[in-house]
Amino acid sequence: SRMGWYRQAPGKERELVASITSGSGSKYV
């Protein structure tokens, strides 16, 4: 249903960078 990417920098919390749904709707930080 959904695919995407998180990232985590040193000393920081993991954050959602981008995600995309099965219908290709996308969201970005």
PDB file of all heavy atoms in Angstrom:
ATOM      1  N   SER A   1       0.822  -1.207   0.000  1.00  0.00           N
ATOM      2  CA  SER A   1       0.000   0.000   0.000  1.00  0.00           C
ATOM      3  C   SER A   1       0.855   1.256   0.000  1.00  0.00           C
ATOM      4  O   SER A   1       0.552   2.232  -0.679  1.00  0.00           O
ATOM      5  CB  SER A   1      -0.926   0.014   1.211  1.00  0.00           C
ATOM      6  OG  SER A   1      -0.155  -0.033   2.416  1.00  0.00           O
ATOM      7  N   ARG A   2       1.928   1.220   0.758  1.00  0.00           N
ATOM      8  CA  ARG A   2       2.753   2.418   0.872  1.00  0.00           C
ATOM      9  C   ARG A   2       4.219   2.032   0.887  1.00  0.00           C
ATOM     10  O   ARG A   2       4.606   0.987   1.433  1.00  0.00           O
ATOM     11  CB  ARG A   2       2.388   3.167   2.149  1.00  0.00           C
ATOM     12  CG  ARG A   2       2.860   4.601   2.230  1.00  0.00           C
ATOM     13  CD  ARG A   2       2.054   5.365   3.286  1.00  0.00           C
ATOM     14  NE  ARG A   2       2.346   4.882   4.628  1.00  0.00           N
ATOM     15  CZ  ARG A   2       3.151   5.517   5.489  1.00  0.00           C
ATOM     16  NH1 ARG A   2       3.747   6.633   5.129  1.00  0.00           N
ATOM     17  NH2 ARG A   2       3.350   5.021   6.695  1.00  0.00           N
ATOM     18  N   MET A   3       5.040   2.878   0.284  1.00  0.00           N
ATOM     19  CA  MET A   3       6.485   2.692   0.256  1.00  0.00           C
ATOM     20  C   MET A   3       7.118   4.037   0.572  1.00  0.00           C
ATOM     21  O   MET A   3       6.496   5.090   0.355  1.00  0.00           O
ATOM     22  CB  MET A   3       6.972   2.211  -1.111  1.00  0.00           C
ATOM     23  CG  MET A   3       6.205   1.025  -1.665  1.00  0.00           C
ATOM     24  SD  MET A   3       6.707   0.557  -3.329  1.00  0.00           S
ATOM     25  CE  MET A   3       8.192  -0.394  -2.971  1.00  0.00           C
ATOM     26  N   GLY A   4       8.342   4.000   1.051  1.00  0.00           N
ATOM     27  CA  GLY A   4       8.952   5.291   1.327  1.00  0.00           C
ATOM     28  C   GLY A   4      10.332   5.186   1.922  1.00  0.00           C
ATOM     29  O   GLY A   4      10.943   4.111   1.943  1.00  0.00           O
ATOM     30  N   TRP A   5      10.780   6.337   2.420  1.00  0.00           N
ATOM     31  CA  TRP A   5      12.134   6.460   2.955  1.00  0.00           C
ATOM     32  C   TRP A   5      12.124   7.270   4.248  1.00  0.00           C
ATOM     33  O   TRP A   5      11.493   8.329   4.314  1.00  0.00           O
ATOM     34  CB  TRP A   5      13.037   7.172   1.944  1.00  0.00           C
ATOM     35  CG  TRP A   5      13.212   6.428   0.668  1.00  0.00           C
ATOM     36  CD1 TRP A   5      12.407   6.487  -0.435  1.00  0.00           C
ATOM     37  CD2 TRP A   5      14.254   5.500   0.363  1.00  0.00           C
ATOM     38  NE1 TRP A   5      12.886   5.655  -1.408  1.00  0.00           N
ATOM     39  CE2 TRP A   5      14.018   5.037  -0.949  1.00  0.00           C
ATOM     40  CE3 TRP A   5      15.371   5.025   1.049  1.00  0.00           C
ATOM     41  CZ2 TRP A   5      14.867   4.116  -1.575  1.00  0.00           C
ATOM     42  CZ3 TRP A   5      16.203   4.117   0.435  1.00  0.00           C
ATOM     43  CH2 TRP A   5      15.950   3.664  -0.865  1.00  0.00           C
ATOM     44  N   TYR A   6      12.819   6.766   5.229  1.00  0.00           N
ATOM     45  CA  TYR A   6      13.159   7.506   6.428  1.00  0.00           C
ATOM     46  C   TYR A   6      14.658   7.796   6.376  1.00  0.00           C
ATOM     47  O   TYR A   6      15.391   7.190   5.599  1.00  0.00           O
ATOM     48  CB  TYR A   6      12.871   6.665   7.689  1.00  0.00           C
ATOM     49  CG  TYR A   6      11.457   6.716   8.186  1.00  0.00           C
ATOM     50  CD1 TYR A   6      10.452   5.956   7.589  1.00  0.00           C
ATOM     51  CD2 TYR A   6      11.116   7.484   9.286  1.00  0.00           C
ATOM     52  CE1 TYR A   6       9.155   5.985   8.063  1.00  0.00           C
ATOM     53  CE2 TYR A   6       9.819   7.523   9.780  1.00  0.00           C
ATOM     54  CZ  TYR A   6       8.850   6.767   9.164  1.00  0.00           C
ATOM     55  OH  TYR A   6       7.564   6.794   9.641  1.00  0.00           O
ATOM     56  N   ARG A   7      15.068   8.698   7.220  1.00  0.00           N
ATOM     57  CA  ARG A   7      16.496   8.921   7.400  1.00  0.00           C
ATOM     58  C   ARG A   7      16.790   9.235   8.859  1.00  0.00           C
ATOM     59  O   ARG A   7      15.931   9.720   9.587  1.00  0.00           O
ATOM     60  CB  ARG A   7      17.025  10.049   6.512  1.00  0.00           C
ATOM     61  CG  ARG A   7      16.522  11.441   6.879  1.00  0.00           C
ATOM     62  CD  ARG A   7      17.023  12.459   5.863  1.00  0.00           C
ATOM     63  NE  ARG A   7      16.515  13.804   6.148  1.00  0.00           N
ATOM     64  CZ  ARG A   7      16.704  14.854   5.352  1.00  0.00           C
ATOM     65  NH1 ARG A   7      17.397  14.727   4.218  1.00  0.00           N
ATOM     66  NH2 ARG A   7      16.217  16.032   5.683  1.00  0.00           N
ATOM     67  N   GLN A   8      18.023   8.945   9.246  1.00  0.00           N
ATOM     68  CA  GLN A   8      18.456   9.250  10.603  1.00  0.00           C
ATOM     69  C   GLN A   8      19.884   9.780  10.567  1.00  0.00           C
ATOM     70  O   GLN A   8      20.801   9.086  10.116  1.00  0.00           O
ATOM     71  CB  GLN A   8      18.376   8.016  11.503  1.00  0.00           C
ATOM     72  CG  GLN A   8      18.656   8.329  12.966  1.00  0.00           C
ATOM     73  CD  GLN A   8      18.224   7.219  13.887  1.00  0.00           C
ATOM     74  OE1 GLN A   8      18.090   6.065  13.495  1.00  0.00           O
ATOM     75  NE2 GLN A   8      17.977   7.554  15.140  1.00  0.00           N
ATOM     76  N   ALA A   9      20.026  10.995  11.023  1.00  0.00           N
ATOM     77  CA  ALA A   9      21.339  11.621  11.110  1.00  0.00           C
ATOM     78  C   ALA A   9      21.904  11.397  12.512  1.00  0.00           C
ATOM     79  O   ALA A   9      21.141  11.162  13.459  1.00  0.00           O
ATOM     80  CB  ALA A   9      21.225  13.108  10.821  1.00  0.00           C
ATOM     81  N   PRO A  10      23.208  11.462  12.656  1.00  0.00           N
ATOM     82  CA  PRO A  10      23.823  11.254  13.969  1.00  0.00           C
ATOM     83  C   PRO A  10      23.253  12.208  15.022  1.00  0.00           C
ATOM     84  O   PRO A  10      23.179  13.417  14.793  1.00  0.00           O
ATOM     85  CB  PRO A  10      25.302  11.545  13.708  1.00  0.00           C
ATOM     86  CG  PRO A  10      25.498  11.257  12.267  1.00  0.00           C
ATOM     87  CD  PRO A  10      24.221  11.671  11.603  1.00  0.00           C
ATOM     88  N   GLY A  11      22.822  11.647  16.137  1.00  0.00           N
ATOM     89  CA  GLY A  11      22.306  12.455  17.232  1.00  0.00           C
ATOM     90  C   GLY A  11      20.899  12.971  17.032  1.00  0.00           C
ATOM     91  O   GLY A  11      20.408  13.748  17.854  1.00  0.00           O
ATOM     92  N   LYS A  12      20.249  12.544  15.939  1.00  0.00           N
ATOM     93  CA  LYS A  12      18.900  13.031  15.661  1.00  0.00           C
ATOM     94  C   LYS A  12      17.931  11.857  15.582  1.00  0.00           C
ATOM     95  O   LYS A  12      18.336  10.711  15.382  1.00  0.00           O
ATOM     96  CB  LYS A  12      18.867  13.821  14.355  1.00  0.00           C
ATOM     97  CG  LYS A  12      19.658  15.114  14.402  1.00  0.00           C
ATOM     98  CD  LYS A  12      19.440  15.927  13.146  1.00  0.00           C
ATOM     99  CE  LYS A  12      20.156  17.268  13.227  1.00  0.00           C
ATOM    100  NZ  LYS A  12      19.923  18.086  12.002  1.00  0.00           N
ATOM    101  N   GLU A  13      16.651  12.178  15.717  1.00  0.00           N
ATOM    102  CA  GLU A  13      15.631  11.149  15.597  1.00  0.00           C
ATOM    103  C   GLU A  13      15.406  10.793  14.128  1.00  0.00           C
ATOM    104  O   GLU A  13      15.649  11.594  13.231  1.00  0.00           O
ATOM    105  CB  GLU A  13      14.321  11.644  16.225  1.00  0.00           C
ATOM    106  CG  GLU A  13      14.393  11.842  17.730  1.00  0.00           C
ATOM    107  CD  GLU A  13      13.042  12.179  18.335  1.00  0.00           C
ATOM    108  OE1 GLU A  13      12.083  12.368  17.566  1.00  0.00           O
ATOM    109  OE2 GLU A  13      12.960  12.251  19.575  1.00  0.00           O
ATOM    110  N   ARG A  14      14.910   9.589  13.920  1.00  0.00           N
ATOM    111  CA  ARG A  14      14.576   9.180  12.564  1.00  0.00           C
ATOM    112  C   ARG A  14      13.395  10.014  12.079  1.00  0.00           C
ATOM    113  O   ARG A  14      12.437  10.233  12.802  1.00  0.00           O
ATOM    114  CB  ARG A  14      14.233   7.693  12.545  1.00  0.00           C
ATOM    115  CG  ARG A  14      14.013   7.120  11.171  1.00  0.00           C
ATOM    116  CD  ARG A  14      13.815   5.613  11.226  1.00  0.00           C
ATOM    117  NE  ARG A  14      15.011   4.902  11.665  1.00  0.00           N
ATOM    118  CZ  ARG A  14      15.166   3.589  11.555  1.00  0.00           C
ATOM    119  NH1 ARG A  14      14.215   2.851  11.020  1.00  0.00           N
ATOM    120  NH2 ARG A  14      16.261   2.995  11.988  1.00  0.00           N
ATOM    121  N   GLU A  15      13.467  10.464  10.835  1.00  0.00           N
ATOM    122  CA  GLU A  15      12.367  11.251  10.268  1.00  0.00           C
ATOM    123  C   GLU A  15      11.925  10.680   8.930  1.00  0.00           C
ATOM    124  O   GLU A  15      12.732  10.131   8.167  1.00  0.00           O
ATOM    125  CB  GLU A  15      12.763  12.721  10.103  1.00  0.00           C
ATOM    126  CG  GLU A  15      13.785  13.006   9.034  1.00  0.00           C
ATOM    127  CD  GLU A  15      13.957  14.495   8.765  1.00  0.00           C
ATOM    128  OE1 GLU A  15      13.172  15.321   9.281  1.00  0.00           O
ATOM    129  OE2 GLU A  15      14.896  14.829   8.011  1.00  0.00           O
ATOM    130  N   LEU A  16      10.651  10.822   8.665  1.00  0.00           N
ATOM    131  CA  LEU A  16      10.090  10.387   7.397  1.00  0.00           C
ATOM    132  C   LEU A  16      10.451  11.409   6.335  1.00  0.00           C
ATOM    133  O   LEU A  16      10.071  12.571   6.432  1.00  0.00           O
ATOM    134  CB  LEU A  16       8.572  10.238   7.507  1.00  0.00           C
ATOM    135  CG  LEU A  16       7.836   9.843   6.235  1.00  0.00           C
ATOM    136  CD1 LEU A  16       8.300   8.480   5.737  1.00  0.00           C
ATOM    137  CD2 LEU A  16       6.331   9.836   6.484  1.00  0.00           C
ATOM    138  N   VAL A  17      11.164  10.981   5.326  1.00  0.00           N
ATOM    139  CA  VAL A  17      11.591  11.864   4.245  1.00  0.00           C
ATOM    140  C   VAL A  17      10.511  11.964   3.170  1.00  0.00           C
ATOM    141  O   VAL A  17      10.130  13.056   2.757  1.00  0.00           O
ATOM    142  CB  VAL A  17      12.904  11.372   3.615  1.00  0.00           C
ATOM    143  CG1 VAL A  17      13.318  12.276   2.458  1.00  0.00           C
ATOM    144  CG2 VAL A  17      14.000  11.289   4.659  1.00  0.00           C
ATOM    145  N   ALA A  18      10.044  10.820   2.713  1.00  0.00           N
ATOM    146  CA  ALA A  18       9.060  10.799   1.629  1.00  0.00           C
ATOM    147  C   ALA A  18       8.344   9.466   1.640  1.00  0.00           C
ATOM    148  O   ALA A  18       8.924   8.437   2.019  1.00  0.00           O
ATOM    149  CB  ALA A  18       9.731  11.026   0.281  1.00  0.00           C
ATOM    150  N   SER A  19       7.094   9.488   1.211  1.00  0.00           N
ATOM    151  CA  SER A  19       6.334   8.254   1.057  1.00  0.00           C
ATOM    152  C   SER A  19       5.447   8.361  -0.162  1.00  0.00           C
ATOM    153  O   SER A  19       5.123   9.469  -0.616  1.00  0.00           O
ATOM    154  CB  SER A  19       5.505   7.962   2.305  1.00  0.00           C
ATOM    155  OG  SER A  19       4.523   8.953   2.494  1.00  0.00           O
ATOM    156  N   ILE A  20       5.062   7.192  -0.682  1.00  0.00           N
ATOM    157  CA  ILE A  20       4.232   7.153  -1.875  1.00  0.00           C
ATOM    158  C   ILE A  20       3.240   6.011  -1.738  1.00  0.00           C
ATOM    159  O   ILE A  20       3.579   4.911  -1.292  1.00  0.00           O
ATOM    160  CB  ILE A  20       5.107   7.007  -3.141  1.00  0.00           C
ATOM    161  CG1 ILE A  20       4.265   7.106  -4.412  1.00  0.00           C
ATOM    162  CG2 ILE A  20       5.932   5.724  -3.111  1.00  0.00           C
ATOM    163  CD1 ILE A  20       5.103   7.283  -5.677  1.00  0.00           C
ATOM    164  N   THR A  21       1.995   6.266  -2.111  1.00  0.00           N
ATOM    165  CA  THR A  21       0.949   5.264  -1.992  1.00  0.00           C
ATOM    166  C   THR A  21       0.865   4.422  -3.264  1.00  0.00           C
ATOM    167  O   THR A  21       1.532   4.699  -4.257  1.00  0.00           O
ATOM    168  CB  THR A  21      -0.403   5.932  -1.758  1.00  0.00           C
ATOM    169  OG1 THR A  21      -0.749   6.675  -2.943  1.00  0.00           O
ATOM    170  CG2 THR A  21      -0.352   6.867  -0.562  1.00  0.00           C
ATOM    171  N   SER A  22      -0.001   3.421  -3.218  1.00  0.00           N
ATOM    172  CA  SER A  22      -0.192   2.566  -4.390  1.00  0.00           C
ATOM    173  C   SER A  22      -0.747   3.355  -5.566  1.00  0.00           C
ATOM    174  O   SER A  22      -0.537   2.993  -6.719  1.00  0.00           O
ATOM    175  CB  SER A  22      -1.113   1.401  -4.052  1.00  0.00           C
ATOM    176  OG  SER A  22      -2.361   1.890  -3.576  1.00  0.00           O
ATOM    177  N   GLY A  23      -1.432   4.445  -5.279  1.00  0.00           N
ATOM    178  CA  GLY A  23      -1.948   5.301  -6.340  1.00  0.00           C
ATOM    179  C   GLY A  23      -1.004   6.412  -6.734  1.00  0.00           C
ATOM    180  O   GLY A  23      -1.380   7.341  -7.446  1.00  0.00           O
ATOM    181  N   SER A  24       0.229   6.328  -6.223  1.00  0.00           N
ATOM    182  CA  SER A  24       1.297   7.269  -6.531  1.00  0.00           C
ATOM    183  C   SER A  24       1.109   8.646  -5.918  1.00  0.00           C
ATOM    184  O   SER A  24       1.717   9.619  -6.371  1.00  0.00           O
ATOM    185  CB  SER A  24       1.516   7.407  -8.053  1.00  0.00           C
ATOM    186  OG  SER A  24       1.980   6.174  -8.577  1.00  0.00           O
ATOM    187  N   GLY A  25       0.254   8.725  -4.891  1.00  0.00           N
ATOM    188  CA  GLY A  25       0.209   9.959  -4.135  1.00  0.00           C
ATOM    189  C   GLY A  25       1.428  10.053  -3.241  1.00  0.00           C
ATOM    190  O   GLY A  25       1.788   9.075  -2.580  1.00  0.00           O
ATOM    191  N   SER A  26       2.091  11.191  -3.215  1.00  0.00           N
ATOM    192  CA  SER A  26       3.344  11.298  -2.479  1.00  0.00           C
ATOM    193  C   SER A  26       3.309  12.418  -1.445  1.00  0.00           C
ATOM    194  O   SER A  26       2.561  13.393  -1.582  1.00  0.00           O
ATOM    195  CB  SER A  26       4.509  11.512  -3.452  1.00  0.00           C
ATOM    196  OG  SER A  26       4.303  12.684  -4.219  1.00  0.00           O
ATOM    197  N   LYS A  27       4.140  12.243  -0.427  1.00  0.00           N
ATOM    198  CA  LYS A  27       4.310  13.251   0.616  1.00  0.00           C
ATOM    199  C   LYS A  27       5.789  13.404   0.909  1.00  0.00           C
ATOM    200  O   LYS A  27       6.547  12.438   0.797  1.00  0.00           O
ATOM    201  CB  LYS A  27       3.574  12.848   1.892  1.00  0.00           C
ATOM    202  CG  LYS A  27       2.060  12.853   1.769  1.00  0.00           C
ATOM    203  CD  LYS A  27       1.409  12.524   3.106  1.00  0.00           C
ATOM    204  CE  LYS A  27      -0.102  12.564   3.016  1.00  0.00           C
ATOM    205  NZ  LYS A  27      -0.742  12.252   4.312  1.00  0.00           N
ATOM    206  N   TYR A  28       6.169  14.614   1.305  1.00  0.00           N
ATOM    207  CA  TYR A  28       7.566  14.905   1.598  1.00  0.00           C
ATOM    208  C   TYR A  28       7.681  15.715   2.882  1.00  0.00           C
ATOM    209  O   TYR A  28       6.802  16.537   3.186  1.00  0.00           O
ATOM    210  CB  TYR A  28       8.205  15.708   0.467  1.00  0.00           C
ATOM    211  CG  TYR A  28       8.194  15.027  -0.877  1.00  0.00           C
ATOM    212  CD1 TYR A  28       7.133  15.190  -1.757  1.00  0.00           C
ATOM    213  CD2 TYR A  28       9.260  14.224  -1.266  1.00  0.00           C
ATOM    214  CE1 TYR A  28       7.125  14.567  -2.987  1.00  0.00           C
ATOM    215  CE2 TYR A  28       9.266  13.599  -2.502  1.00  0.00           C
ATOM    216  CZ  TYR A  28       8.197  13.777  -3.358  1.00  0.00           C
ATOM    217  OH  TYR A  28       8.199  13.147  -4.577  1.00  0.00           O
ATOM    218  N   VAL A  29       8.771  15.519   3.580  1.00  0.00           N
ATOM    219  CA  VAL A  29       9.083  16.421   4.678  1.00  0.00           C
ATOM    220  C   VAL A  29       9.428  17.774   4.069  1.00  0.00           C
ATOM    221  O   VAL A  29       9.980  17.850   2.962  1.00  0.00           O
ATOM    222  CB  VAL A  29      10.239  15.849   5.535  1.00  0.00           C
ATOM    223  CG1 VAL A  29      11.550  15.833   4.772  1.00  0.00           C
ATOM    224  CG2 VAL A  29      10.371  16.620   6.831  1.00  0.00           C
TER     225      VAL A  29
END
